[in-house]
N, C-alpha and C. Protein backbone atom coordinates (compact mmCIF):
# COMPACT_ATOMS: atom_id res chain seq x y z
N MET A 1 29.75 -14.89 -0.41
CA MET A 1 31.02 -14.75 0.24
C MET A 1 30.86 -15.13 1.71
N ALA A 2 31.65 -16.05 2.20
CA ALA A 2 31.59 -16.50 3.58
C ALA A 2 32.36 -15.55 4.47
N THR A 3 31.80 -15.28 5.65
CA THR A 3 32.50 -14.41 6.60
C THR A 3 33.25 -15.29 7.60
N ALA A 4 34.43 -14.83 7.96
CA ALA A 4 35.25 -15.58 8.91
C ALA A 4 34.72 -15.38 10.33
N ALA A 5 34.78 -16.42 11.13
CA ALA A 5 34.35 -16.31 12.52
C ALA A 5 35.33 -15.42 13.27
N PRO A 6 34.83 -14.55 14.15
CA PRO A 6 35.74 -13.68 14.90
C PRO A 6 36.65 -14.51 15.81
N ALA A 7 37.84 -14.00 16.01
CA ALA A 7 38.82 -14.70 16.86
C ALA A 7 38.33 -14.72 18.31
N VAL A 8 38.58 -15.82 18.96
CA VAL A 8 38.20 -15.98 20.37
C VAL A 8 39.32 -15.39 21.23
N PRO A 9 38.98 -14.50 22.18
CA PRO A 9 40.00 -13.93 23.06
C PRO A 9 40.73 -15.04 23.85
N THR A 10 41.96 -14.76 24.20
CA THR A 10 42.80 -15.74 24.88
C THR A 10 42.18 -16.23 26.19
N ALA A 11 41.67 -15.31 27.00
CA ALA A 11 41.09 -15.70 28.29
C ALA A 11 39.89 -16.62 28.09
N LEU A 12 39.10 -16.35 27.07
CA LEU A 12 37.93 -17.18 26.80
C LEU A 12 38.35 -18.54 26.25
N ALA A 13 39.41 -18.56 25.46
CA ALA A 13 39.92 -19.83 24.93
C ALA A 13 40.47 -20.71 26.07
N LYS A 14 41.17 -20.09 27.05
CA LYS A 14 41.67 -20.85 28.21
C LYS A 14 40.51 -21.44 29.00
N LEU A 15 39.48 -20.65 29.21
CA LEU A 15 38.32 -21.12 29.96
C LEU A 15 37.63 -22.25 29.18
N CYS A 16 37.60 -22.14 27.88
CA CYS A 16 37.01 -23.19 27.04
C CYS A 16 37.78 -24.50 27.23
N ARG A 17 39.10 -24.43 27.30
CA ARG A 17 39.91 -25.63 27.53
C ARG A 17 39.62 -26.24 28.90
N ARG A 18 39.41 -25.37 29.94
CA ARG A 18 39.05 -25.87 31.27
C ARG A 18 37.73 -26.63 31.22
N PHE A 19 36.75 -26.06 30.52
CA PHE A 19 35.46 -26.73 30.39
C PHE A 19 35.61 -28.07 29.64
N GLU A 20 36.42 -28.09 28.59
CA GLU A 20 36.61 -29.33 27.82
C GLU A 20 37.29 -30.40 28.68
N ARG A 21 38.30 -29.99 29.47
CA ARG A 21 38.96 -30.95 30.36
C ARG A 21 37.96 -31.52 31.36
N TRP A 22 37.11 -30.67 31.94
CA TRP A 22 36.13 -31.15 32.89
C TRP A 22 35.14 -32.10 32.21
N ARG A 23 34.66 -31.72 31.04
CA ARG A 23 33.69 -32.56 30.32
C ARG A 23 34.31 -33.93 29.96
N ASN A 24 35.59 -33.92 29.55
CA ASN A 24 36.25 -35.18 29.17
C ASN A 24 36.53 -36.07 30.38
N SER A 25 36.72 -35.48 31.55
CA SER A 25 37.03 -36.28 32.74
C SER A 25 35.78 -36.74 33.50
N HIS A 26 34.61 -36.27 33.11
CA HIS A 26 33.36 -36.63 33.78
C HIS A 26 32.37 -37.17 32.75
N PRO A 27 32.37 -38.48 32.55
CA PRO A 27 31.42 -39.04 31.59
C PRO A 27 29.99 -38.91 32.12
N GLY A 28 29.05 -38.86 31.21
CA GLY A 28 27.65 -38.73 31.62
C GLY A 28 27.25 -37.27 31.73
N ARG A 29 26.11 -37.03 32.32
CA ARG A 29 25.57 -35.68 32.40
C ARG A 29 25.58 -35.19 33.84
N LEU A 30 26.75 -34.90 34.34
CA LEU A 30 26.87 -34.36 35.70
C LEU A 30 26.72 -32.83 35.64
N PRO A 31 26.21 -32.23 36.72
CA PRO A 31 26.11 -30.77 36.73
C PRO A 31 27.50 -30.12 36.72
N ILE A 32 27.59 -29.00 36.04
CA ILE A 32 28.86 -28.26 35.99
C ILE A 32 29.11 -27.68 37.38
N PRO A 33 30.34 -27.80 37.90
CA PRO A 33 30.64 -27.28 39.24
C PRO A 33 30.50 -25.74 39.32
N GLU A 34 30.19 -25.27 40.50
CA GLU A 34 30.00 -23.83 40.73
C GLU A 34 31.21 -22.98 40.34
N PRO A 35 32.45 -23.41 40.64
CA PRO A 35 33.60 -22.57 40.25
C PRO A 35 33.68 -22.36 38.73
N LEU A 36 33.31 -23.38 37.96
CA LEU A 36 33.32 -23.22 36.50
C LEU A 36 32.21 -22.26 36.06
N TRP A 37 31.04 -22.37 36.69
CA TRP A 37 29.96 -21.43 36.36
C TRP A 37 30.37 -20.01 36.71
N ALA A 38 31.02 -19.83 37.86
CA ALA A 38 31.46 -18.49 38.27
C ALA A 38 32.44 -17.91 37.25
N SER A 39 33.34 -18.75 36.74
CA SER A 39 34.29 -18.30 35.72
C SER A 39 33.55 -17.94 34.43
N ALA A 40 32.52 -18.71 34.10
CA ALA A 40 31.73 -18.44 32.89
C ALA A 40 30.98 -17.11 33.03
N VAL A 41 30.48 -16.83 34.22
CA VAL A 41 29.77 -15.56 34.45
C VAL A 41 30.73 -14.38 34.27
N GLU A 42 31.93 -14.50 34.83
CA GLU A 42 32.92 -13.42 34.66
C GLU A 42 33.30 -13.26 33.19
N ALA A 43 33.43 -14.37 32.48
CA ALA A 43 33.75 -14.29 31.05
C ALA A 43 32.61 -13.63 30.29
N ALA A 44 31.36 -13.95 30.65
CA ALA A 44 30.21 -13.33 29.98
C ALA A 44 30.17 -11.83 30.24
N ARG A 45 30.56 -11.44 31.44
CA ARG A 45 30.60 -10.01 31.76
C ARG A 45 31.67 -9.30 30.92
N ALA A 46 32.77 -9.99 30.64
CA ALA A 46 33.87 -9.38 29.90
C ALA A 46 33.70 -9.49 28.38
N HIS A 47 33.16 -10.62 27.90
CA HIS A 47 33.15 -10.88 26.46
C HIS A 47 31.75 -10.96 25.85
N GLY A 48 30.73 -10.81 26.66
CA GLY A 48 29.37 -10.85 26.14
C GLY A 48 28.72 -12.19 26.44
N LEU A 49 27.44 -12.12 26.71
CA LEU A 49 26.69 -13.31 27.12
C LEU A 49 26.57 -14.33 26.00
N PHE A 50 26.12 -13.90 24.82
CA PHE A 50 25.90 -14.85 23.73
C PHE A 50 27.20 -15.52 23.30
N ARG A 51 28.23 -14.70 23.13
CA ARG A 51 29.52 -15.25 22.66
C ARG A 51 30.09 -16.25 23.67
N THR A 52 30.01 -15.93 24.94
CA THR A 52 30.53 -16.84 25.97
C THR A 52 29.75 -18.15 25.99
N ALA A 53 28.42 -18.05 25.95
CA ALA A 53 27.60 -19.27 25.94
C ALA A 53 27.90 -20.12 24.71
N GLN A 54 28.13 -19.46 23.59
CA GLN A 54 28.40 -20.18 22.34
C GLN A 54 29.77 -20.87 22.38
N VAL A 55 30.80 -20.14 22.78
CA VAL A 55 32.16 -20.70 22.80
C VAL A 55 32.29 -21.81 23.84
N LEU A 56 31.68 -21.62 25.02
CA LEU A 56 31.81 -22.61 26.09
C LEU A 56 30.76 -23.71 26.00
N ARG A 57 29.87 -23.60 25.04
CA ARG A 57 28.78 -24.57 24.83
C ARG A 57 27.95 -24.73 26.10
N LEU A 58 27.44 -23.59 26.57
CA LEU A 58 26.63 -23.57 27.79
C LEU A 58 25.19 -23.17 27.45
N ASP A 59 24.29 -23.48 28.37
CA ASP A 59 22.90 -23.08 28.24
C ASP A 59 22.82 -21.56 28.41
N TYR A 60 22.40 -20.87 27.34
CA TYR A 60 22.34 -19.40 27.33
C TYR A 60 21.43 -18.89 28.46
N GLY A 61 20.26 -19.51 28.63
CA GLY A 61 19.30 -19.07 29.64
C GLY A 61 19.85 -19.15 31.06
N LYS A 62 20.52 -20.27 31.36
CA LYS A 62 21.08 -20.42 32.71
C LYS A 62 22.21 -19.43 32.94
N LEU A 63 23.06 -19.24 31.94
CA LEU A 63 24.16 -18.29 32.08
C LEU A 63 23.61 -16.87 32.26
N LYS A 64 22.55 -16.55 31.56
CA LYS A 64 21.93 -15.23 31.69
C LYS A 64 21.37 -15.03 33.09
N ARG A 65 20.69 -16.05 33.64
CA ARG A 65 20.16 -15.95 35.00
C ARG A 65 21.28 -15.78 36.03
N LEU A 66 22.36 -16.55 35.87
CA LEU A 66 23.48 -16.45 36.81
C LEU A 66 24.15 -15.08 36.71
N LEU A 67 24.26 -14.57 35.50
CA LEU A 67 24.87 -13.25 35.29
C LEU A 67 24.03 -12.17 35.96
N ALA A 68 22.71 -12.27 35.84
CA ALA A 68 21.83 -11.27 36.45
C ALA A 68 21.84 -11.37 37.98
N ALA A 69 22.03 -12.58 38.51
CA ALA A 69 21.99 -12.77 39.96
C ALA A 69 23.30 -12.45 40.65
N THR A 70 24.39 -12.36 39.89
CA THR A 70 25.71 -12.13 40.47
C THR A 70 26.09 -10.67 40.32
N PRO A 71 26.41 -9.98 41.43
CA PRO A 71 26.83 -8.59 41.29
C PRO A 71 28.19 -8.50 40.62
N ALA A 72 28.39 -7.43 39.87
CA ALA A 72 29.68 -7.21 39.20
C ALA A 72 30.75 -6.91 40.23
N ALA A 73 31.98 -7.18 39.88
CA ALA A 73 33.10 -6.89 40.78
C ALA A 73 33.15 -5.40 41.04
N GLY A 74 33.30 -5.03 42.30
CA GLY A 74 33.37 -3.62 42.66
C GLY A 74 32.01 -3.04 43.04
N ARG A 75 30.93 -3.76 42.76
CA ARG A 75 29.61 -3.29 43.15
C ARG A 75 29.11 -4.14 44.30
N SER A 76 28.38 -3.52 45.20
CA SER A 76 27.84 -4.28 46.33
C SER A 76 26.53 -4.93 45.91
N ALA A 77 26.19 -6.02 46.57
CA ALA A 77 24.96 -6.73 46.25
C ALA A 77 23.75 -6.04 46.86
N SER A 78 23.94 -5.20 47.88
CA SER A 78 22.81 -4.55 48.53
C SER A 78 22.43 -3.28 47.76
N PRO A 79 21.15 -2.94 47.78
CA PRO A 79 20.72 -1.72 47.10
C PRO A 79 21.22 -0.49 47.85
N PRO A 80 21.26 0.64 47.20
CA PRO A 80 21.73 1.84 47.89
C PRO A 80 20.81 2.19 49.05
N ALA A 81 21.38 2.75 50.12
CA ALA A 81 20.61 3.07 51.31
C ALA A 81 19.83 4.37 51.14
N PHE A 82 20.28 5.24 50.26
CA PHE A 82 19.63 6.53 50.07
C PHE A 82 19.66 6.91 48.60
N VAL A 83 18.54 7.34 48.09
CA VAL A 83 18.46 7.82 46.71
C VAL A 83 17.78 9.17 46.74
N GLU A 84 18.44 10.18 46.21
CA GLU A 84 17.87 11.51 46.19
C GLU A 84 17.08 11.69 44.90
N LEU A 85 15.83 12.10 45.04
CA LEU A 85 14.99 12.38 43.88
C LEU A 85 14.80 13.88 43.78
N LEU A 86 15.10 14.42 42.64
CA LEU A 86 14.96 15.86 42.43
C LEU A 86 13.72 16.13 41.60
N ALA A 87 12.89 17.01 42.09
CA ALA A 87 11.68 17.39 41.35
C ALA A 87 12.06 18.40 40.28
N PRO A 88 11.36 18.37 39.16
CA PRO A 88 11.65 19.38 38.13
C PRO A 88 11.25 20.76 38.64
N PRO A 89 11.88 21.80 38.14
CA PRO A 89 11.52 23.14 38.60
C PRO A 89 10.07 23.44 38.21
N PRO A 90 9.35 24.18 39.05
CA PRO A 90 7.96 24.46 38.74
C PRO A 90 7.84 25.34 37.49
N ALA A 91 6.80 25.09 36.75
CA ALA A 91 6.56 25.90 35.55
C ALA A 91 6.12 27.29 35.99
N PRO A 92 6.49 28.31 35.23
CA PRO A 92 6.08 29.65 35.63
C PRO A 92 4.56 29.76 35.57
N VAL A 93 4.00 30.33 36.62
CA VAL A 93 2.56 30.48 36.70
C VAL A 93 2.19 31.83 36.10
N LEU A 94 1.31 31.78 35.14
CA LEU A 94 0.85 33.03 34.53
C LEU A 94 -0.38 33.51 35.29
N ALA A 95 -0.30 34.74 35.75
CA ALA A 95 -1.43 35.30 36.46
C ALA A 95 -2.55 35.57 35.46
N GLU A 96 -3.76 35.37 35.93
CA GLU A 96 -4.92 35.63 35.07
C GLU A 96 -5.80 36.62 35.80
N CYS A 97 -6.32 37.56 35.04
CA CYS A 97 -7.10 38.61 35.67
C CYS A 97 -8.28 38.96 34.76
N VAL A 98 -9.42 39.22 35.36
CA VAL A 98 -10.60 39.70 34.63
C VAL A 98 -10.99 41.03 35.25
N ILE A 99 -11.07 42.07 34.41
CA ILE A 99 -11.43 43.41 34.87
C ILE A 99 -12.74 43.80 34.20
N GLU A 100 -13.70 44.17 35.00
CA GLU A 100 -14.96 44.68 34.47
C GLU A 100 -15.12 46.10 34.99
N LEU A 101 -15.18 47.03 34.08
CA LEU A 101 -15.30 48.44 34.46
C LEU A 101 -16.58 49.01 33.84
N GLU A 102 -17.26 49.83 34.62
CA GLU A 102 -18.46 50.50 34.13
C GLU A 102 -18.32 51.97 34.47
N GLY A 103 -18.44 52.79 33.47
CA GLY A 103 -18.30 54.23 33.67
C GLY A 103 -19.34 54.98 32.85
N PRO A 104 -19.22 56.33 32.85
CA PRO A 104 -20.21 57.15 32.14
C PRO A 104 -20.21 56.88 30.63
N ARG A 105 -19.11 56.39 30.10
CA ARG A 105 -19.05 56.14 28.66
C ARG A 105 -19.39 54.71 28.29
N GLY A 106 -19.71 53.85 29.26
CA GLY A 106 -20.10 52.49 28.93
C GLY A 106 -19.45 51.46 29.85
N LYS A 107 -19.47 50.27 29.36
CA LYS A 107 -19.01 49.13 30.14
C LYS A 107 -17.93 48.41 29.34
N ILE A 108 -16.91 47.89 30.06
CA ILE A 108 -15.85 47.15 29.38
C ILE A 108 -15.42 45.97 30.26
N ARG A 109 -15.12 44.85 29.59
CA ARG A 109 -14.61 43.67 30.30
C ARG A 109 -13.30 43.28 29.62
N VAL A 110 -12.25 43.17 30.42
CA VAL A 110 -10.93 42.81 29.91
C VAL A 110 -10.47 41.55 30.64
N GLN A 111 -10.12 40.52 29.87
CA GLN A 111 -9.56 39.29 30.45
C GLN A 111 -8.11 39.24 30.00
N TRP A 112 -7.20 39.12 30.98
CA TRP A 112 -5.78 39.26 30.70
C TRP A 112 -5.00 38.15 31.38
N LYS A 113 -4.10 37.51 30.64
CA LYS A 113 -3.25 36.46 31.22
C LYS A 113 -1.81 36.95 31.22
N GLY A 114 -1.08 36.58 32.26
CA GLY A 114 0.34 36.90 32.33
C GLY A 114 0.60 38.36 32.64
N THR A 115 -0.25 38.96 33.41
CA THR A 115 -0.07 40.38 33.71
C THR A 115 0.58 40.56 35.07
N THR A 116 1.12 41.72 35.26
CA THR A 116 1.66 42.08 36.56
C THR A 116 0.85 43.25 37.10
N ALA A 117 0.99 43.55 38.37
CA ALA A 117 0.22 44.63 39.00
C ALA A 117 0.44 45.98 38.33
N PRO A 118 1.68 46.38 37.98
CA PRO A 118 1.85 47.68 37.32
C PRO A 118 1.10 47.76 35.99
N ASP A 119 1.01 46.66 35.23
CA ASP A 119 0.28 46.67 33.96
C ASP A 119 -1.19 46.95 34.19
N LEU A 120 -1.76 46.31 35.20
CA LEU A 120 -3.18 46.49 35.49
C LEU A 120 -3.47 47.90 35.97
N ALA A 121 -2.59 48.46 36.77
CA ALA A 121 -2.79 49.83 37.27
C ALA A 121 -2.77 50.82 36.11
N ALA A 122 -1.85 50.65 35.18
CA ALA A 122 -1.77 51.56 34.03
C ALA A 122 -3.01 51.45 33.16
N LEU A 123 -3.53 50.26 32.98
CA LEU A 123 -4.73 50.06 32.16
C LEU A 123 -5.94 50.72 32.81
N SER A 124 -6.09 50.50 34.10
CA SER A 124 -7.26 51.09 34.78
C SER A 124 -7.19 52.62 34.76
N ARG A 125 -6.01 53.21 34.93
CA ARG A 125 -5.88 54.67 34.87
C ARG A 125 -6.26 55.18 33.48
N ALA A 126 -5.82 54.47 32.46
CA ALA A 126 -6.12 54.90 31.08
C ALA A 126 -7.62 54.84 30.81
N LEU A 127 -8.31 53.86 31.39
CA LEU A 127 -9.75 53.73 31.16
C LEU A 127 -10.56 54.75 31.96
N TRP A 128 -10.09 55.14 33.15
CA TRP A 128 -10.86 56.01 34.01
C TRP A 128 -10.56 57.50 33.83
N GLU A 129 -9.43 57.81 33.21
CA GLU A 129 -9.12 59.25 33.04
C GLU A 129 -10.08 59.87 32.03
N PRO A 130 -10.46 61.09 32.28
CA PRO A 130 -11.40 61.78 31.35
C PRO A 130 -10.70 62.04 30.00
N VAL A 131 -11.52 62.09 28.97
CA VAL A 131 -11.01 62.34 27.63
C VAL A 131 -10.75 63.84 27.51
N PRO A 132 -9.61 64.28 27.02
CA PRO A 132 -9.34 65.72 26.92
C PRO A 132 -10.13 66.40 25.84
């Protein structure tokens, strides 16, 4: 089953006729004038690069280079003067602690990550209090 070619938008068809008139009035291989290239770039921006190059019978590579080199309408050609970069929030730091206790009942070493001062105080009191 053959698929039908998509319809060419009116603006692109008008531009195609302009290109055909220019090609018919200039025998030989003369360079395409800048105003026609500028119109082709605007058409590529509106209708897509491949489709515009295909309909207007233009060199895809040259049209792509011109499109990349030409700023879009409403955008300035100069880069922004200031760009703010935001750093990601710092990861929470887990405190690490090593406790070595030696008492009358022996020796103990505790390595603990993510502790707070009240946790450590409660642990040391529990280890040092006499057994009832």
